[in-house]
């Protein structure tokens, strides 16, 4: 299993384990987790849009120090090292990977149910 401190590889490893039948989650719980991910993604994307707006800071005056502060705060929002937009994007990426794992459990269950139903319709009950 991947290192849980690296969220991306951790969730990719869980997705692979689910594909290999080594990980199971009942479809109802998977659906609840997927729905929670959708809500969290909505909030993260909202905050990311708001953080983009923070790059347009003003009101620090015309002096060099004020302009430097304006630049520092703008880069903290967008474009600088560890800026808010990029940090939020890394969280969005991980939550999307989580959704992939959760979706495997109710998608695969639904696919099996549909295949079984199709087989019954073709062959009839036994």
Protein backbone atom coordinates (compact mmCIF):
# COMPACT_ATOMS: atom_id res chain seq x y z
CA UNK A 1 0.00 0.00 0.00
CA UNK A 2 1.17 3.53 -0.70
CA UNK A 3 2.38 6.01 1.89
CA UNK A 4 -0.73 7.67 3.44
CA UNK A 5 1.25 10.90 3.88
CA UNK A 6 1.24 11.28 0.07
CA UNK A 7 -2.50 11.55 -0.49
CA UNK A 8 -2.37 11.18 -4.26
CA UNK A 9 -0.54 7.86 -4.33
CA UNK A 10 -2.51 6.67 -1.31
CA UNK A 11 -5.89 7.10 -3.04
CA UNK A 12 -4.51 5.69 -6.29
CA UNK A 13 -3.38 2.62 -4.36
CA UNK A 14 -6.83 2.30 -2.80
CA UNK A 15 -8.40 2.52 -6.28
CA UNK A 16 -6.11 -0.28 -7.46
CA UNK A 17 -6.98 -2.35 -4.39
CA UNK A 18 -10.68 -1.88 -5.15
CA UNK A 19 -10.10 -2.95 -8.76
CA UNK A 20 -8.30 -6.08 -7.52
CA UNK A 21 -11.06 -6.99 -5.07
CA UNK A 22 -8.86 -6.32 -2.04
CA UNK A 23 -10.97 -3.43 -0.80
CA UNK A 24 -14.71 -3.39 -0.25
CA UNK A 25 -17.21 -0.73 0.75
CA UNK A 26 -20.95 -1.26 0.59
CA UNK A 27 -22.67 0.79 -2.13
CA UNK A 28 -24.71 2.91 0.29
CA UNK A 29 -21.63 4.01 2.23
CA UNK A 30 -19.74 4.62 -1.02
CA UNK A 31 -22.60 6.78 -2.30
CA UNK A 32 -22.65 8.79 0.94
CA UNK A 33 -18.88 9.31 0.71
CA UNK A 34 -19.14 10.33 -2.95
CA UNK A 35 -21.90 12.82 -2.11
CA UNK A 36 -19.76 14.28 0.69
CA UNK A 37 -16.89 14.61 -1.81
CA UNK A 38 -19.18 16.48 -4.22
CA UNK A 39 -20.13 18.94 -1.49
CA UNK A 40 -16.52 19.41 -0.39
CA UNK A 41 -15.41 19.93 -4.01
CA UNK A 42 -18.08 22.59 -4.42
CA UNK A 43 -16.75 24.43 -1.36
CA UNK A 44 -13.10 24.10 -2.37
CA UNK A 45 -13.80 25.44 -5.86
CA UNK A 46 -15.77 28.35 -4.39
CA UNK A 47 -12.84 29.22 -2.11
CA UNK A 48 -10.44 28.88 -5.03
CA UNK A 49 -12.46 31.42 -7.05
CA UNK A 50 -12.49 33.78 -4.06
CA UNK A 51 -8.72 33.36 -3.61
CA UNK A 52 -8.23 34.39 -7.25
CA UNK A 53 -10.04 37.63 -6.44
CA UNK A 54 -7.55 38.29 -3.63
CA UNK A 55 -4.76 38.79 -6.18
CA UNK A 56 -6.23 42.21 -6.98
CA UNK A 57 -5.24 43.86 -3.70
CA UNK A 58 -5.03 47.61 -3.46
CA UNK A 59 -4.98 50.39 -0.93
CA UNK A 60 -1.38 50.00 0.21
CA UNK A 61 -0.36 53.43 -1.00
CA UNK A 62 2.28 54.63 -3.43
CA UNK A 63 5.34 54.15 -1.23
CA UNK A 64 7.76 51.33 -2.00
CA UNK A 65 6.87 49.43 1.18
CA UNK A 66 3.15 49.59 0.38
CA UNK A 67 3.75 48.35 -3.17
CA UNK A 68 5.96 45.54 -1.86
CA UNK A 69 3.27 44.46 0.60
CA UNK A 70 0.67 44.59 -2.15
CA UNK A 71 2.86 42.31 -4.31
CA UNK A 72 3.55 39.90 -1.43
CA UNK A 73 -0.14 39.50 -0.59
CA UNK A 74 -1.16 39.17 -4.25
CA UNK A 75 1.41 36.39 -4.75
CA UNK A 76 0.21 34.64 -1.60
CA UNK A 77 -3.20 34.42 -3.27
CA UNK A 78 -2.09 33.55 -6.83
CA UNK A 79 1.24 32.84 -8.46
CA UNK A 80 3.64 32.82 -5.53
CA UNK A 81 5.20 29.90 -3.74
CA UNK A 82 2.54 27.86 -1.87
CA UNK A 83 -0.15 30.26 -3.05
CA UNK A 84 -3.74 29.70 -1.99
CA UNK A 85 -5.08 28.86 -5.47
CA UNK A 86 -2.49 26.09 -5.97
CA UNK A 87 -2.91 24.72 -2.46
CA UNK A 88 -6.66 24.53 -2.93
CA UNK A 89 -6.11 22.83 -6.31
CA UNK A 90 -4.01 20.14 -4.64
CA UNK A 91 -6.90 19.51 -2.24
CA UNK A 92 -9.35 19.39 -5.14
CA UNK A 93 -7.15 16.84 -6.92
CA UNK A 94 -7.08 14.56 -3.87
CA UNK A 95 -10.85 14.77 -3.32
CA UNK A 96 -11.41 13.90 -6.99
CA UNK A 97 -9.17 10.84 -6.51
CA UNK A 98 -11.22 9.92 -3.46
CA UNK A 99 -14.40 10.15 -5.55
CA UNK A 100 -12.92 7.73 -8.09
CA UNK A 101 -12.40 5.17 -5.32
CA UNK A 102 -15.90 5.60 -3.88
CA UNK A 103 -17.53 5.52 -7.32
CA UNK A 104 -15.96 2.13 -8.02
CA UNK A 105 -18.10 0.55 -5.33
CA UNK A 106 -21.51 1.65 -6.46
CA UNK A 107 -20.67 1.72 -10.18
CA UNK A 108 -19.36 -1.84 -10.17
CA UNK A 109 -22.32 -3.04 -8.11
CA UNK A 110 -24.70 -1.34 -10.51
CA UNK A 111 -22.89 -2.86 -13.52
CA UNK A 112 -23.11 -6.36 -12.03
CA UNK A 113 -26.82 -5.86 -11.27
CA UNK A 114 -27.47 -4.71 -14.83
CA UNK A 115 -25.53 -7.64 -16.29
CA UNK A 116 -27.45 -10.08 -14.09
CA UNK A 117 -30.77 -8.48 -15.05
CA UNK A 118 -29.88 -8.67 -18.74
CA UNK A 119 -28.99 -12.35 -18.37
CA UNK A 120 -32.30 -13.10 -16.68
CA UNK A 121 -34.24 -11.29 -19.38
CA UNK A 122 -32.47 -13.23 -22.16
CA UNK A 123 -32.46 -16.66 -20.53
CA UNK A 124 -35.49 -16.34 -18.29
CA UNK A 125 -35.63 -17.41 -14.67
CA UNK A 126 -34.36 -20.90 -13.79
